[in-house]
Amino acid sequence: MTFDARQQQRIAILGSTGSIGTSALDVIQHRSDRLTAFGLSAHRSWKKLFEQAREHRPEHVVLTESAPKKEIDLEPLLPGREMYA
């Protein structure tokens, strides 16, 4: 596989709601010509994770704590996205 610097790079961020994760999303937003958020994950901060997902439109969203899935209907919040909980 050959690396093409002109091709947009897809990035997955584990712990996107933490300080390092939010900084990484800032970089992706700043370099949107070269980077895109492909996947986001969080453990408990599901509200912040969903806000990030609506803003950055990743293909995959992972929540490791399953409580919100029981509390709310996730599909209207993230239409067309793969949600794993």
C-alpha atoms as a PDB file:
ATOM      1  CA  MET A   1       0.000   0.000   0.000  1.00  0.00           C
ATOM      2  CA  THR A   2       1.398   3.381  -1.005  1.00  0.00           C
ATOM      3  CA  PHE A   3       0.950   6.492   1.123  1.00  0.00           C
ATOM      4  CA  ASP A   4      -0.470   9.469  -0.777  1.00  0.00           C
ATOM      5  CA  ALA A   5      -0.076  12.698   1.227  1.00  0.00           C
ATOM      6  CA  ARG A   6      -2.832  14.321  -0.848  1.00  0.00           C
ATOM      7  CA  GLN A   7      -5.393  11.704   0.185  1.00  0.00           C
ATOM      8  CA  GLN A   8      -7.580  12.574   3.160  1.00  0.00           C
ATOM      9  CA  GLN A   9      -6.610  10.507   6.209  1.00  0.00           C
ATOM     10  CA  ARG A  10      -9.374   8.854   8.255  1.00  0.00           C
ATOM     11  CA  ILE A  11      -8.749   9.048  12.013  1.00  0.00           C
ATOM     12  CA  ALA A  12     -10.347   7.056  14.861  1.00  0.00           C
ATOM     13  CA  ILE A  13     -10.162   8.692  18.278  1.00  0.00           C
ATOM     14  CA  LEU A  14     -10.438   6.516  21.367  1.00  0.00           C
ATOM     15  CA  GLY A  15     -11.539   8.655  24.297  1.00  0.00           C
ATOM     16  CA  SER A  16     -12.736  11.536  22.141  1.00  0.00           C
ATOM     17  CA  THR A  17     -14.486  13.272  25.043  1.00  0.00           C
ATOM     18  CA  GLY A  18     -11.324  13.622  27.152  1.00  0.00           C
ATOM     19  CA  SER A  19      -8.808  16.441  26.919  1.00  0.00           C
ATOM     20  CA  ILE A  20      -6.496  14.690  24.442  1.00  0.00           C
ATOM     21  CA  GLY A  21      -9.463  13.514  22.358  1.00  0.00           C
ATOM     22  CA  THR A  22     -10.989  16.982  22.125  1.00  0.00           C
ATOM     23  CA  SER A  23      -7.570  18.394  21.181  1.00  0.00           C
ATOM     24  CA  ALA A  24      -7.294  15.778  18.447  1.00  0.00           C
ATOM     25  CA  LEU A  25     -10.732  16.780  17.138  1.00  0.00           C
ATOM     26  CA  ASP A  26      -9.600  20.418  17.089  1.00  0.00           C
ATOM     27  CA  VAL A  27      -6.648  19.401  14.905  1.00  0.00           C
ATOM     28  CA  ILE A  28      -8.943  17.425  12.593  1.00  0.00           C
ATOM     29  CA  GLN A  29     -11.265  20.406  12.296  1.00  0.00           C
ATOM     30  CA  HIS A  30      -8.345  22.734  11.598  1.00  0.00           C
ATOM     31  CA  ARG A  31      -6.913  20.375   8.954  1.00  0.00           C
ATOM     32  CA  SER A  32     -10.215  19.229   7.452  1.00  0.00           C
ATOM     33  CA  ASP A  33      -8.606  19.337   4.004  1.00  0.00           C
ATOM     34  CA  ARG A  34      -6.333  16.432   5.022  1.00  0.00           C
ATOM     35  CA  LEU A  35      -8.014  14.744   8.003  1.00  0.00           C
ATOM     36  CA  THR A  36     -11.466  13.381   8.801  1.00  0.00           C
ATOM     37  CA  ALA A  37     -12.908  11.767  11.941  1.00  0.00           C
ATOM     38  CA  PHE A  38     -13.726   8.183  10.969  1.00  0.00           C
ATOM     39  CA  GLY A  39     -14.598   6.901  14.447  1.00  0.00           C
ATOM     40  CA  LEU A  40     -15.167   8.300  17.927  1.00  0.00           C
ATOM     41  CA  SER A  41     -15.388   6.482  21.240  1.00  0.00           C
ATOM     42  CA  ALA A  42     -16.111   7.295  24.874  1.00  0.00           C
ATOM     43  CA  HIS A  43     -16.883   5.375  28.040  1.00  0.00           C
ATOM     44  CA  ARG A  44     -19.523   7.419  29.888  1.00  0.00           C
ATOM     45  CA  SER A  45     -19.772  10.923  28.442  1.00  0.00           C
ATOM     46  CA  TRP A  46     -22.446   9.977  25.947  1.00  0.00           C
ATOM     47  CA  LYS A  47     -23.966  13.454  25.631  1.00  0.00           C
ATOM     48  CA  LYS A  48     -20.609  14.975  24.716  1.00  0.00           C
ATOM     49  CA  LEU A  49     -19.893  12.010  22.412  1.00  0.00           C
ATOM     50  CA  PHE A  50     -23.181  12.582  20.560  1.00  0.00           C
ATOM     51  CA  GLU A  51     -22.426  16.308  20.237  1.00  0.00           C
ATOM     52  CA  GLN A  52     -19.054  15.442  18.733  1.00  0.00           C
ATOM     53  CA  ALA A  53     -20.644  12.894  16.396  1.00  0.00           C
ATOM     54  CA  ARG A  54     -23.198  15.417  15.137  1.00  0.00           C
ATOM     55  CA  GLU A  55     -20.438  17.955  14.504  1.00  0.00           C
ATOM     56  CA  HIS A  56     -17.771  15.703  12.981  1.00  0.00           C
ATOM     57  CA  ARG A  57     -20.030  13.100  11.289  1.00  0.00           C
ATOM     58  CA  PRO A  58     -17.870   9.984  11.856  1.00  0.00           C
ATOM     59  CA  GLU A  59     -18.922   6.691  10.311  1.00  0.00           C
ATOM     60  CA  HIS A  60     -18.638   4.856  13.638  1.00  0.00           C
ATOM     61  CA  VAL A  61     -19.477   5.843  17.210  1.00  0.00           C
ATOM     62  CA  VAL A  62     -18.611   3.603  20.167  1.00  0.00           C
ATOM     63  CA  LEU A  63     -19.919   3.952  23.709  1.00  0.00           C
ATOM     64  CA  THR A  64     -18.479   1.385  26.112  1.00  0.00           C
ATOM     65  CA  GLU A  65     -21.065   1.972  28.838  1.00  0.00           C
ATOM     66  CA  SER A  66     -24.446   0.593  27.792  1.00  0.00           C
ATOM     67  CA  ALA A  67     -26.759   2.522  30.157  1.00  0.00           C
ATOM     68  CA  PRO A  68     -27.778   5.265  27.666  1.00  0.00           C
ATOM     69  CA  LYS A  69     -28.888   2.672  25.115  1.00  0.00           C
ATOM     70  CA  LYS A  70     -31.501   1.537  27.636  1.00  0.00           C
ATOM     71  CA  GLU A  71     -32.522   5.111  28.503  1.00  0.00           C
ATOM     72  CA  ILE A  72     -32.913   6.688  25.067  1.00  0.00           C
ATOM     73  CA  ASP A  73     -33.547   5.850  21.431  1.00  0.00           C
ATOM     74  CA  LEU A  74     -30.164   6.408  19.767  1.00  0.00           C
ATOM     75  CA  GLU A  75     -31.207   6.287  16.099  1.00  0.00           C
ATOM     76  CA  PRO A  76     -32.781   9.785  15.916  1.00  0.00           C
ATOM     77  CA  LEU A  77     -29.709  11.251  17.626  1.00  0.00           C
ATOM     78  CA  LEU A  78     -27.229   9.798  15.154  1.00  0.00           C
ATOM     79  CA  PRO A  79     -29.113   8.993  11.945  1.00  0.00           C
ATOM     80  CA  GLY A  80     -27.133   6.984   9.415  1.00  0.00           C
ATOM     81  CA  ARG A  81     -24.279   6.271  11.823  1.00  0.00           C
ATOM     82  CA  GLU A  82     -23.105   2.942  13.192  1.00  0.00           C
ATOM     83  CA  MET A  83     -23.558   3.037  16.966  1.00  0.00           C
ATOM     84  CA  TYR A  84     -21.931   0.423  19.182  1.00  0.00           C
ATOM     85  CA  ALA A  85     -22.760   0.245  22.892  1.00  0.00           C
END
